[in-house]
Structures are given as structure tokens and as C-alpha cells.
Amino acid sequence: MTADIDKTVGTPSAGPETIKAIPVRHYGRYVTAVIAIAILVAIIYAFGQGKINWHAVPDYFFDDRIMTGVGKTLLLTVLSMLIGIVGGIVLAVMRLSKNPVTSSISWFYIWFFRGTPVLVQLFLWFNLGLVFEYINLGPIYKDYWSDFMTPLLTALLGLGLNEAAYMAEICRAGLLAVDEGQTEAAHALGMSHGKTLRRIVIPQAMRVIVPPTGNEVINMLKTTSLVAAVQYPELFRYAQDIGQNSGAPVEMYFLAAAWYLIMTSVLSVGQYYIERYYARGSSRQLPPTPLQKVKANVLSLGRPKGAVGA
């Protein structure tokens, strides 16, 4: 009996049979990829057959008027966003106030400006001269409304005040995302409400506020094209004028679209790194940047197969 047991134990047992994994075939992916490529080729072919003077785009790409329009578009974006951000913070604080009057005023402002189109607001500011002949601020300022409401001021009021309504909701969401215990702890340490807001609540709320604010900046840059309707010369307006004078209006629209894509791409890169900066305290290890990913891939290609990195 003992010999049988020893014999059984000493005999090497056969290992489990190796599992042969068969990858799943995703035929739907191949079909959709072929359809997408076919549609893209058809669109490119259609534009290639159209009567489009593609040489006009590089000829005017760095034209002085176009570059002036790019500069004015960026300036209008920055100034409008400053008005929107400052106004949004004030409105968000008012909306969260326990004072029913300030809270109601903030709610009404947000309701009105979010509920009406930007183009309507621009025309409203631009045509108020038909209702008011003068702007009279007493001893401070008095002038004809037509002289006071310039196209630049119309654009800033129309874009900035509208943006403040959206930024108010973004800021309010960020402030509400901070745990109430942070405020209670700050008050327990003797910090005032304003100091708690500046040093405790707002820095933590920035992680929530920054991503949608970046989207609003990009959206604002594109929305500036609407101010051409109130006679303010920016990129789209200059492209329109050049297109009418040169006989290539469609080509100038393509040119304007290319410049908008360039500017929004640059802003998107900036948004990515700002979001990464404010996300430092929310995760232990930040995801690699695109440049870090490229470096890692290049180094892995040059490393011998099977080698372990330091």
C-alpha cells in the first residue's frame, strides 16, 4: 500500500492543457471604418471638383487686414471674458447670499441673459440710441447715445454681460462643490466670511470651475464673429470685406475658419495645462502630458526587447 502511494506521488502529473485564446472578431468596426473613410473621400472629392480658388487662401492668409482682425478678435475675447468672469463671481456670491433681495436680483439677471440670444442683446444695445438721445449720468458723464455706444462698447456689453450669466452658474457650481466642513473649520479658526471665501473656498472650487471656463473662453472666441452685425471690425468682418472685394467670398470664409481653428487649438492646449495645474491636489499621480507620452514611446522603441526600464 505504501509502495503504491509513493509511486503515485513520485509520478509527475500532466499539467493543464494550454488554453488557446481566439480573439473576438469585431466586423462592425471594420464596416464603420470603411464607411467613414468613404464618406470622407467623397467630401474631399466634392470640394476638389468645386469651383474654389484655393490659391486665394494662402495669398490672403497673412494679409494686414486679416492679422488686424485676429488681434481684435483676441482682444475682444479677453476683455469680454474678464467682464464675464468678474461679473459671474459677483453674481454667484449674490445668488448664494442669504439676503433674499441680492439673491433675487442675481436670479433675475441670470434668467434674462441666459434666456435671450446674444445677437438679440447686441442689436438691443446697438439700437438703444433710438430710444435714448442722451446718456446722462449727472455730473459724472453726459453725451449723445450714438457717440457713447461705439461698436466696441456694444460688443463688450453684449458679449461680456451675457457671459457673466453663464459664468455665474459655473462659479456657483464650483462653490457648492466645496465641502461645508471647510467653511465651518475656517470660521472656527476665526476667519471672516470674505477671507474664508478667498483663501479656502475659491482655491478648492477652481478645480471644478476651470474646465468649463476653458470651454467658455473657446466658445467666446467663436462668438465674437457675431459682432460683425454691429459694425465692429474683427476677423470675420475683415474676411467678409476681402471676400467681397476680391471676388472670393467662400475662400475667405475658409480662411477665417482656418484662423479660428488655429486660435481655438492654442487655447485648448492652454486649457489642458491649467486643468492639470489645478488637479494636483485631487489625484496622487497626474496622467502624462502628450509630450511625455511621445517621449515614453520614443524611448521604448529604442530600448532592447525585454529590457526593464530604470
Foldseek 3Di string as FASTA:
>chain_A
DVVVVVVVVPDDDDDDDDDDDDDDDDVVVVVVVVVVVVVVVVVVVVVVPDPADLVVLVVCLVPPLLVQQAVVLVVLLVLLLVLQQVLLVVLLCQCPDPPPVSVVVSVVLLCVLVVDDLLVQLVCLLPCLVVDQWDDPDPPDIDGSNVVSDLSNSSSCSRNSSSNSVSNVQLNVLLVVDDVVQVVVCVVVVDDPVRCVVPPRVLNSCLSNLPVSLVVSLVSSVVSLSSVVSVDRHNNVSLCVCCVVVVRNVSSVVSSVVSSVVVNVVSVVVSVVVSQVSCPVVDPDDDDDPVVVVVVVVVVVVDDPPDDDD
